[in-house]
């Protein structure tokens, strides 16, 4: 009889262990594919896209009111003014991101967030950074650099406006093979796709 109770207690403990393990273990939202691209879970993709669309709602009035008298390199089509770009910078910049613009009006904003990310990456600690690039027409590219399980990933989402409506044009992701931040302040990375 005593052996029967001991057996039941042992089975109950094993069952409890399995329950605790599987309830705390969550599958990764990022899966590396054979060609070094990544499969992004629908929930992560939707979260990132929804966040970008929410941010774009506050940008639309800025873009609509902008004089569009800014400069674009080698192109004579209308572009955001310097004041419009600055207003968008202020809306996008938060405690976990950095921002720059393709027109080159301003240096990278949120540099301290990048440096914190880089320090954690160098120390091989799981970390992430969101980097926004403002296009000359007010569109936004969001790049999420995610370092987890000793692998650096990049998820890139592009948003543009069509007749005042925010449109997500694409969402892509890659494994970054090598990243570098040099003494001159340049961040570069290499990704490779197997063909």
C-alpha atoms as a PDB file:
ATOM      1  CA  UNK A   1       0.000   0.000   0.000  1.00  0.00           C
ATOM      2  CA  UNK A   2       2.843   2.376   0.938  1.00  0.00           C
ATOM      3  CA  UNK A   3       4.591   1.679  -2.401  1.00  0.00           C
ATOM      4  CA  UNK A   4       1.357   2.523  -4.213  1.00  0.00           C
ATOM      5  CA  UNK A   5       1.177   5.970  -2.532  1.00  0.00           C
ATOM      6  CA  UNK A   6       4.852   6.634  -3.223  1.00  0.00           C
ATOM      7  CA  UNK A   7       4.291   5.741  -6.893  1.00  0.00           C
ATOM      8  CA  UNK A   8       1.282   8.082  -7.097  1.00  0.00           C
ATOM      9  CA  UNK A   9       3.254  10.925  -5.456  1.00  0.00           C
ATOM     10  CA  UNK A  10       6.176  10.402  -7.856  1.00  0.00           C
ATOM     11  CA  UNK A  11       3.847  10.404 -10.876  1.00  0.00           C
ATOM     12  CA  UNK A  12       2.121  13.541  -9.571  1.00  0.00           C
ATOM     13  CA  UNK A  13       5.488  15.294  -9.164  1.00  0.00           C
ATOM     14  CA  UNK A  14       6.573  14.287 -12.669  1.00  0.00           C
ATOM     15  CA  UNK A  15       3.258  15.527 -14.083  1.00  0.00           C
ATOM     16  CA  UNK A  16       3.607  18.795 -12.165  1.00  0.00           C
ATOM     17  CA  UNK A  17       7.149  19.203 -13.526  1.00  0.00           C
ATOM     18  CA  UNK A  18       5.930  18.750 -17.113  1.00  0.00           C
ATOM     19  CA  UNK A  19       3.100  21.225 -16.571  1.00  0.00           C
ATOM     20  CA  UNK A  20       5.459  23.843 -15.126  1.00  0.00           C
ATOM     21  CA  UNK A  21       8.031  23.337 -17.884  1.00  0.00           C
ATOM     22  CA  UNK A  22       5.589  23.619 -20.773  1.00  0.00           C
ATOM     23  CA  UNK A  23       3.631  26.515 -19.271  1.00  0.00           C
ATOM     24  CA  UNK A  24       6.817  28.595 -18.883  1.00  0.00           C
ATOM     25  CA  UNK A  25       8.421  27.568 -22.186  1.00  0.00           C
ATOM     26  CA  UNK A  26       7.183  29.681 -25.086  1.00  0.00           C
ATOM     27  CA  UNK A  27       8.119  28.930 -28.680  1.00  0.00           C
ATOM     28  CA  UNK A  28      10.264  31.563 -30.355  1.00  0.00           C
ATOM     29  CA  UNK A  29       8.584  34.130 -32.590  1.00  0.00           C
ATOM     30  CA  UNK A  30      11.538  33.962 -34.977  1.00  0.00           C
ATOM     31  CA  UNK A  31      12.635  30.836 -36.829  1.00  0.00           C
ATOM     32  CA  UNK A  32      15.741  30.723 -38.992  1.00  0.00           C
ATOM     33  CA  UNK A  33      15.209  29.171 -42.426  1.00  0.00           C
ATOM     34  CA  UNK A  34      17.773  27.291 -44.513  1.00  0.00           C
ATOM     35  CA  UNK A  35      18.514  30.354 -46.687  1.00  0.00           C
ATOM     36  CA  UNK A  36      19.254  32.561 -43.611  1.00  0.00           C
ATOM     37  CA  UNK A  37      16.009  34.443 -44.017  1.00  0.00           C
ATOM     38  CA  UNK A  38      13.641  34.154 -41.084  1.00  0.00           C
ATOM     39  CA  UNK A  39      10.081  33.094 -40.574  1.00  0.00           C
ATOM     40  CA  UNK A  40       8.367  35.624 -38.309  1.00  0.00           C
ATOM     41  CA  UNK A  41       5.379  34.402 -36.318  1.00  0.00           C
ATOM     42  CA  UNK A  42       2.064  35.969 -37.295  1.00  0.00           C
ATOM     43  CA  UNK A  43       1.631  37.352 -33.777  1.00  0.00           C
ATOM     44  CA  UNK A  44       5.014  39.143 -33.794  1.00  0.00           C
ATOM     45  CA  UNK A  45       4.474  40.405 -37.338  1.00  0.00           C
ATOM     46  CA  UNK A  46       1.040  41.734 -36.428  1.00  0.00           C
ATOM     47  CA  UNK A  47       2.368  43.378 -33.240  1.00  0.00           C
ATOM     48  CA  UNK A  48       5.154  45.188 -35.108  1.00  0.00           C
ATOM     49  CA  UNK A  49       2.890  46.242 -37.987  1.00  0.00           C
ATOM     50  CA  UNK A  50       0.143  47.455 -35.628  1.00  0.00           C
ATOM     51  CA  UNK A  51       2.656  49.480 -33.627  1.00  0.00           C
ATOM     52  CA  UNK A  52       4.008  51.116 -36.793  1.00  0.00           C
ATOM     53  CA  UNK A  53       0.497  51.904 -38.055  1.00  0.00           C
ATOM     54  CA  UNK A  54      -0.420  53.451 -34.677  1.00  0.00           C
ATOM     55  CA  UNK A  55       2.663  55.650 -34.828  1.00  0.00           C
ATOM     56  CA  UNK A  56       1.805  56.628 -38.409  1.00  0.00           C
ATOM     57  CA  UNK A  57      -1.602  57.951 -37.300  1.00  0.00           C
ATOM     58  CA  UNK A  58       0.114  60.727 -35.353  1.00  0.00           C
ATOM     59  CA  UNK A  59       2.389  61.485 -38.325  1.00  0.00           C
ATOM     60  CA  UNK A  60      -0.298  61.918 -40.945  1.00  0.00           C
ATOM     61  CA  UNK A  61      -1.411  65.428 -39.816  1.00  0.00           C
ATOM     62  CA  UNK A  62       2.244  66.556 -39.870  1.00  0.00           C
ATOM     63  CA  UNK A  63       2.701  65.291 -43.416  1.00  0.00           C
ATOM     64  CA  UNK A  64      -0.587  66.795 -44.638  1.00  0.00           C
ATOM     65  CA  UNK A  65       0.268  70.246 -43.212  1.00  0.00           C
ATOM     66  CA  UNK A  66       3.906  70.201 -44.327  1.00  0.00           C
ATOM     67  CA  UNK A  67       5.015  72.691 -46.990  1.00  0.00           C
ATOM     68  CA  UNK A  68       6.800  69.839 -48.838  1.00  0.00           C
ATOM     69  CA  UNK A  69       9.559  72.234 -49.869  1.00  0.00           C
ATOM     70  CA  UNK A  70      12.440  70.108 -48.656  1.00  0.00           C
ATOM     71  CA  UNK A  71      15.327  68.787 -50.662  1.00  0.00           C
ATOM     72  CA  UNK A  72      15.838  65.332 -52.122  1.00  0.00           C
ATOM     73  CA  UNK A  73      19.104  64.193 -53.561  1.00  0.00           C
ATOM     74  CA  UNK A  74      19.003  64.279 -57.380  1.00  0.00           C
ATOM     75  CA  UNK A  75      15.189  64.262 -57.479  1.00  0.00           C
ATOM     76  CA  UNK A  76      12.973  67.283 -58.043  1.00  0.00           C
ATOM     77  CA  UNK A  77       9.729  65.870 -56.612  1.00  0.00           C
ATOM     78  CA  UNK A  78       8.195  67.329 -53.425  1.00  0.00           C
ATOM     79  CA  UNK A  79       9.863  66.336 -50.171  1.00  0.00           C
ATOM     80  CA  UNK A  80       9.268  66.985 -46.480  1.00  0.00           C
ATOM     81  CA  UNK A  81      10.531  70.282 -45.123  1.00  0.00           C
ATOM     82  CA  UNK A  82      13.193  70.312 -42.436  1.00  0.00           C
ATOM     83  CA  UNK A  83      10.519  71.376 -39.893  1.00  0.00           C
ATOM     84  CA  UNK A  84       8.280  68.474 -40.968  1.00  0.00           C
ATOM     85  CA  UNK A  85      11.108  65.979 -40.561  1.00  0.00           C
ATOM     86  CA  UNK A  86      11.896  67.382 -37.095  1.00  0.00           C
ATOM     87  CA  UNK A  87       8.238  67.030 -36.032  1.00  0.00           C
ATOM     88  CA  UNK A  88       8.232  63.393 -37.184  1.00  0.00           C
ATOM     89  CA  UNK A  89      11.492  62.742 -35.306  1.00  0.00           C
ATOM     90  CA  UNK A  90       9.837  63.957 -32.118  1.00  0.00           C
ATOM     91  CA  UNK A  91       6.827  61.648 -32.602  1.00  0.00           C
ATOM     92  CA  UNK A  92       8.903  58.542 -33.351  1.00  0.00           C
ATOM     93  CA  UNK A  93      11.664  58.855 -30.781  1.00  0.00           C
ATOM     94  CA  UNK A  94      10.976  56.977 -27.551  1.00  0.00           C
ATOM     95  CA  UNK A  95      12.911  55.196 -24.827  1.00  0.00           C
ATOM     96  CA  UNK A  96      13.745  52.152 -26.979  1.00  0.00           C
ATOM     97  CA  UNK A  97      14.383  53.586 -30.414  1.00  0.00           C
ATOM     98  CA  UNK A  98      16.587  55.730 -32.580  1.00  0.00           C
ATOM     99  CA  UNK A  99      15.633  57.730 -35.672  1.00  0.00           C
ATOM    100  CA  UNK A 100      17.289  59.150 -38.775  1.00  0.00           C
ATOM    101  CA  UNK A 101      16.067  60.544 -42.091  1.00  0.00           C
ATOM    102  CA  UNK A 102      17.041  59.800 -45.663  1.00  0.00           C
ATOM    103  CA  UNK A 103      17.262  63.518 -46.484  1.00  0.00           C
ATOM    104  CA  UNK A 104      20.148  63.935 -44.056  1.00  0.00           C
ATOM    105  CA  UNK A 105      18.711  66.901 -42.167  1.00  0.00           C
ATOM    106  CA  UNK A 106      19.665  65.548 -38.741  1.00  0.00           C
ATOM    107  CA  UNK A 107      22.169  63.149 -37.218  1.00  0.00           C
ATOM    108  CA  UNK A 108      20.938  59.954 -35.619  1.00  0.00           C
ATOM    109  CA  UNK A 109      18.643  60.740 -32.699  1.00  0.00           C
ATOM    110  CA  UNK A 110      18.501  58.291 -29.797  1.00  0.00           C
ATOM    111  CA  UNK A 111      22.175  57.410 -30.113  1.00  0.00           C
ATOM    112  CA  UNK A 112      22.289  56.417 -26.427  1.00  0.00           C
ATOM    113  CA  UNK A 113      19.659  53.723 -27.134  1.00  0.00           C
ATOM    114  CA  UNK A 114      21.835  52.363 -29.921  1.00  0.00           C
ATOM    115  CA  UNK A 115      24.917  52.379 -27.669  1.00  0.00           C
ATOM    116  CA  UNK A 116      23.017  50.487 -24.960  1.00  0.00           C
ATOM    117  CA  UNK A 117      21.923  47.913 -27.559  1.00  0.00           C
ATOM    118  CA  UNK A 118      25.498  47.615 -28.867  1.00  0.00           C
ATOM    119  CA  UNK A 119      26.908  47.147 -25.357  1.00  0.00           C
ATOM    120  CA  UNK A 120      24.413  44.344 -24.630  1.00  0.00           C
ATOM    121  CA  UNK A 121      25.084  42.761 -28.038  1.00  0.00           C
ATOM    122  CA  UNK A 122      28.850  42.799 -27.389  1.00  0.00           C
ATOM    123  CA  UNK A 123      28.230  41.211 -23.967  1.00  0.00           C
ATOM    124  CA  UNK A 124      26.064  38.547 -25.671  1.00  0.00           C
ATOM    125  CA  UNK A 125      22.968  39.547 -23.666  1.00  0.00           C
ATOM    126  CA  UNK A 126      19.557  39.245 -25.296  1.00  0.00           C
ATOM    127  CA  UNK A 127      18.579  42.734 -26.447  1.00  0.00           C
ATOM    128  CA  UNK A 128      16.654  44.644 -29.100  1.00  0.00           C
ATOM    129  CA  UNK A 129      16.636  48.022 -30.799  1.00  0.00           C
ATOM    130  CA  UNK A 130      14.059  49.700 -33.009  1.00  0.00           C
ATOM    131  CA  UNK A 131      15.451  52.048 -35.670  1.00  0.00           C
ATOM    132  CA  UNK A 132      13.166  54.265 -37.772  1.00  0.00           C
ATOM    133  CA  UNK A 133      14.162  55.891 -41.063  1.00  0.00           C
ATOM    134  CA  UNK A 134      11.963  58.740 -42.308  1.00  0.00           C
ATOM    135  CA  UNK A 135      11.618  58.868 -46.097  1.00  0.00           C
ATOM    136  CA  UNK A 136      11.484  62.177 -47.944  1.00  0.00           C
ATOM    137  CA  UNK A 137       7.741  61.721 -48.532  1.00  0.00           C
ATOM    138  CA  UNK A 138       6.929  60.851 -44.916  1.00  0.00           C
ATOM    139  CA  UNK A 139       6.973  57.083 -45.218  1.00  0.00           C
ATOM    140  CA  UNK A 140       8.683  55.118 -42.459  1.00  0.00           C
ATOM    141  CA  UNK A 141      10.956  52.097 -42.484  1.00  0.00           C
ATOM    142  CA  UNK A 142      11.134  50.327 -39.139  1.00  0.00           C
ATOM    143  CA  UNK A 143      14.117  48.056 -38.523  1.00  0.00           C
ATOM    144  CA  UNK A 144      14.031  45.890 -35.412  1.00  0.00           C
ATOM    145  CA  UNK A 145      17.413  44.461 -34.461  1.00  0.00           C
ATOM    146  CA  UNK A 146      16.831  41.514 -32.133  1.00  0.00           C
ATOM    147  CA  UNK A 147      19.655  39.620 -30.478  1.00  0.00           C
ATOM    148  CA  UNK A 148      18.489  36.405 -28.855  1.00  0.00           C
ATOM    149  CA  UNK A 149      20.021  33.002 -28.282  1.00  0.00           C
ATOM    150  CA  UNK A 150      23.375  34.275 -29.653  1.00  0.00           C
ATOM    151  CA  UNK A 151      21.899  35.221 -33.039  1.00  0.00           C
ATOM    152  CA  UNK A 152      21.287  38.751 -34.369  1.00  0.00           C
ATOM    153  CA  UNK A 153      18.151  39.151 -36.479  1.00  0.00           C
ATOM    154  CA  UNK A 154      16.786  42.083 -38.464  1.00  0.00           C
ATOM    155  CA  UNK A 155      13.067  42.540 -39.099  1.00  0.00           C
ATOM    156  CA  UNK A 156      12.293  45.351 -41.528  1.00  0.00           C
ATOM    157  CA  UNK A 157       8.845  46.846 -42.168  1.00  0.00           C
ATOM    158  CA  UNK A 158       8.085  49.601 -44.695  1.00  0.00           C
ATOM    159  CA  UNK A 159       5.096  51.931 -44.508  1.00  0.00           C
ATOM    160  CA  UNK A 160       4.028  54.534 -47.058  1.00  0.00           C
ATOM    161  CA  UNK A 161       0.970  56.710 -47.556  1.00  0.00           C
ATOM    162  CA  UNK A 162      -1.465  56.397 -50.448  1.00  0.00           C
ATOM    163  CA  UNK A 163      -4.133  59.123 -50.551  1.00  0.00           C
ATOM    164  CA  UNK A 164      -3.685  59.672 -46.830  1.00  0.00           C
ATOM    165  CA  UNK A 165      -3.971  55.988 -45.922  1.00  0.00           C
ATOM    166  CA  UNK A 166      -1.045  54.209 -44.237  1.00  0.00           C
ATOM    167  CA  UNK A 167      -0.044  51.075 -46.162  1.00  0.00           C
ATOM    168  CA  UNK A 168       2.412  48.394 -44.998  1.00  0.00           C
ATOM    169  CA  UNK A 169       4.286  47.490 -48.163  1.00  0.00           C
ATOM    170  CA  UNK A 170       6.456  44.666 -46.895  1.00  0.00           C
ATOM    171  CA  UNK A 171       7.783  42.863 -43.845  1.00  0.00           C
ATOM    172  CA  UNK A 172      11.036  40.935 -44.189  1.00  0.00           C
ATOM    173  CA  UNK A 173      13.590  39.399 -41.884  1.00  0.00           C
ATOM    174  CA  UNK A 174      17.139  38.093 -41.983  1.00  0.00           C
ATOM    175  CA  UNK A 175      19.824  36.637 -39.817  1.00  0.00           C
ATOM    176  CA  UNK A 176      22.710  39.073 -39.616  1.00  0.00           C
ATOM    177  CA  UNK A 177      26.011  37.310 -40.161  1.00  0.00           C
ATOM    178  CA  UNK A 178      28.253  40.047 -38.810  1.00  0.00           C
ATOM    179  CA  UNK A 179      27.713  43.482 -37.258  1.00  0.00           C
ATOM    180  CA  UNK A 180      30.290  46.181 -36.642  1.00  0.00           C
ATOM    181  CA  UNK A 181      30.362  49.578 -34.970  1.00  0.00           C
ATOM    182  CA  UNK A 182      33.611  51.387 -35.714  1.00  0.00           C
ATOM    183  CA  UNK A 183      35.500  54.166 -33.969  1.00  0.00           C
ATOM    184  CA  UNK A 184      34.119  56.720 -36.454  1.00  0.00           C
ATOM    185  CA  UNK A 185      30.545  55.974 -35.392  1.00  0.00           C
ATOM    186  CA  UNK A 186      29.478  53.858 -38.376  1.00  0.00           C
ATOM    187  CA  UNK A 187      27.268  50.825 -37.784  1.00  0.00           C
ATOM    188  CA  UNK A 188      27.310  48.203 -40.504  1.00  0.00           C
ATOM    189  CA  UNK A 189      26.107  44.667 -40.845  1.00  0.00           C
ATOM    190  CA  UNK A 190      26.292  41.814 -43.297  1.00  0.00           C
ATOM    191  CA  UNK A 191      23.501  39.429 -44.017  1.00  0.00           C
ATOM    192  CA  UNK A 192      23.654  36.623 -46.500  1.00  0.00           C
ATOM    193  CA  UNK A 193      20.898  34.715 -48.204  1.00  0.00           C
ATOM    194  CA  UNK A 194      21.658  31.255 -49.556  1.00  0.00           C
ATOM    195  CA  UNK A 195      20.474  30.715 -53.126  1.00  0.00           C
END
